[in-house]
Protein backbone atom coordinates (compact mmCIF):
# COMPACT_ATOMS: atom_id res chain seq x y z
CA MET A 1 1.10 -0.78 -17.17
CA VAL A 2 -1.16 1.76 -15.94
CA LEU A 3 -4.02 0.60 -12.98
CA THR A 4 -7.21 2.41 -13.31
CA HIS A 5 -10.77 1.64 -12.47
CA GLU A 6 -13.01 3.39 -15.26
CA VAL A 7 -16.41 2.28 -16.21
CA ALA A 8 -16.57 0.57 -19.85
CA THR A 9 -19.70 -0.40 -21.68
CA VAL A 10 -18.94 -3.52 -23.14
CA TRP A 11 -20.52 -5.43 -26.33
CA TRP A 12 -20.18 -9.08 -26.57
CA GLU A 13 -19.96 -11.23 -30.11
CA GLN A 14 -20.12 -15.04 -29.42
CA GLY A 15 -19.41 -14.70 -25.73
CA VAL A 16 -16.34 -12.38 -26.27
CA PRO A 17 -15.79 -8.70 -26.21
CA ASP A 18 -16.51 -7.48 -29.27
CA ARG A 19 -16.58 -3.56 -28.77
CA MET A 20 -17.03 -0.96 -25.76
CA VAL A 21 -17.30 2.55 -24.93
CA TRP A 22 -14.94 3.89 -22.39
CA ARG A 23 -13.57 7.53 -21.65
CA GLU A 24 -16.49 8.50 -24.11
CA ARG A 25 -15.11 6.95 -27.04
CA ARG A 26 -15.87 4.03 -29.17
CA TRP A 27 -13.52 1.24 -29.13
CA ARG A 28 -13.55 -1.94 -31.36
CA VAL A 29 -11.45 -5.11 -30.38
CA SER A 30 -8.51 -5.42 -32.54
CA ASP A 31 -7.16 -8.69 -31.53
CA THR A 32 -8.30 -12.10 -29.77
CA PRO A 33 -9.44 -11.47 -26.14
CA THR A 34 -7.89 -13.49 -23.63
CA ARG A 35 -10.04 -14.83 -20.69
CA LEU A 36 -8.40 -13.90 -17.31
CA THR A 37 -8.73 -17.01 -14.87
CA ALA A 38 -8.45 -17.53 -10.95
CA THR A 39 -8.71 -20.88 -9.42
CA ALA A 40 -10.07 -20.86 -5.82
CA GLU A 41 -7.42 -20.83 -3.06
CA PHE A 42 -8.82 -23.50 -0.97
CA LEU A 43 -8.22 -26.00 -3.30
CA PRO A 44 -5.46 -28.47 -2.76
CA SER A 45 -2.26 -27.67 -4.74
CA ALA A 46 -1.78 -31.20 -6.07
CA MET A 47 -5.19 -30.92 -7.42
CA THR A 48 -4.80 -31.16 -11.38
CA HIS A 49 -7.19 -29.72 -13.82
CA ALA A 50 -8.69 -27.46 -10.85
CA PRO A 51 -11.88 -25.70 -11.91
CA GLU A 52 -11.30 -21.93 -12.95
CA ARG A 53 -13.48 -19.14 -13.17
CA THR A 54 -13.27 -16.04 -15.24
CA VAL A 55 -12.12 -12.69 -13.54
CA GLY A 56 -11.84 -10.66 -16.52
CA TRP A 57 -10.52 -10.16 -20.11
CA ARG A 58 -7.39 -8.69 -21.84
CA PHE A 59 -7.48 -7.43 -25.26
CA GLN A 60 -6.71 -4.63 -27.51
CA VAL A 61 -8.94 -2.06 -28.26
CA SER A 62 -8.63 0.55 -31.45
CA ALA A 63 -10.27 3.80 -32.00
CA GLY A 64 -8.77 5.37 -35.25
CA ASP A 65 -5.12 5.63 -34.78
CA GLU A 66 -4.78 4.84 -31.26
CA ALA A 67 -4.73 1.09 -29.85
CA VAL A 68 -4.32 0.27 -26.24
CA VAL A 69 -4.47 -3.18 -24.49
CA VAL A 70 -6.87 -3.21 -21.69
CA ASP A 71 -7.51 -5.83 -18.90
CA ILE A 72 -11.53 -5.45 -18.11
CA THR A 73 -13.22 -6.66 -14.88
CA PRO A 74 -16.78 -7.57 -13.25
CA ASP A 75 -17.84 -4.30 -11.42
CA GLY A 76 -21.59 -4.81 -10.02
CA ASP A 77 -23.57 -5.27 -13.29
CA GLY A 78 -20.98 -3.96 -15.56
CA TRP A 79 -17.62 -3.71 -16.15
CA VAL A 80 -14.45 -1.65 -15.35
CA VAL A 81 -11.14 -1.20 -17.28
CA ALA A 82 -8.56 -2.20 -14.42
CA ARG A 83 -5.54 -1.90 -16.42
CA THR A 84 -3.89 -0.26 -19.59
CA TRP A 85 -0.77 -0.64 -21.73
CA ARG A 86 0.26 1.57 -24.61
């Protein structure tokens, strides 16, 4: 895993990432995106079904013969690639 903080432009289809431009390349999402969530720390640990908020997405992207798994997270009005796996 590599930590990064690189700007990505993300296009969405039915509420999930579909494609993006990152590192000056066009990438297509090539698997089912997984929503990354977090539960508020101030909630009691005994609380069942605590509300979660989306803190990012994990998915595989492909460009040509290259494929990479990325985590994207919100950054201001846009998105950044926060982690990658090859």
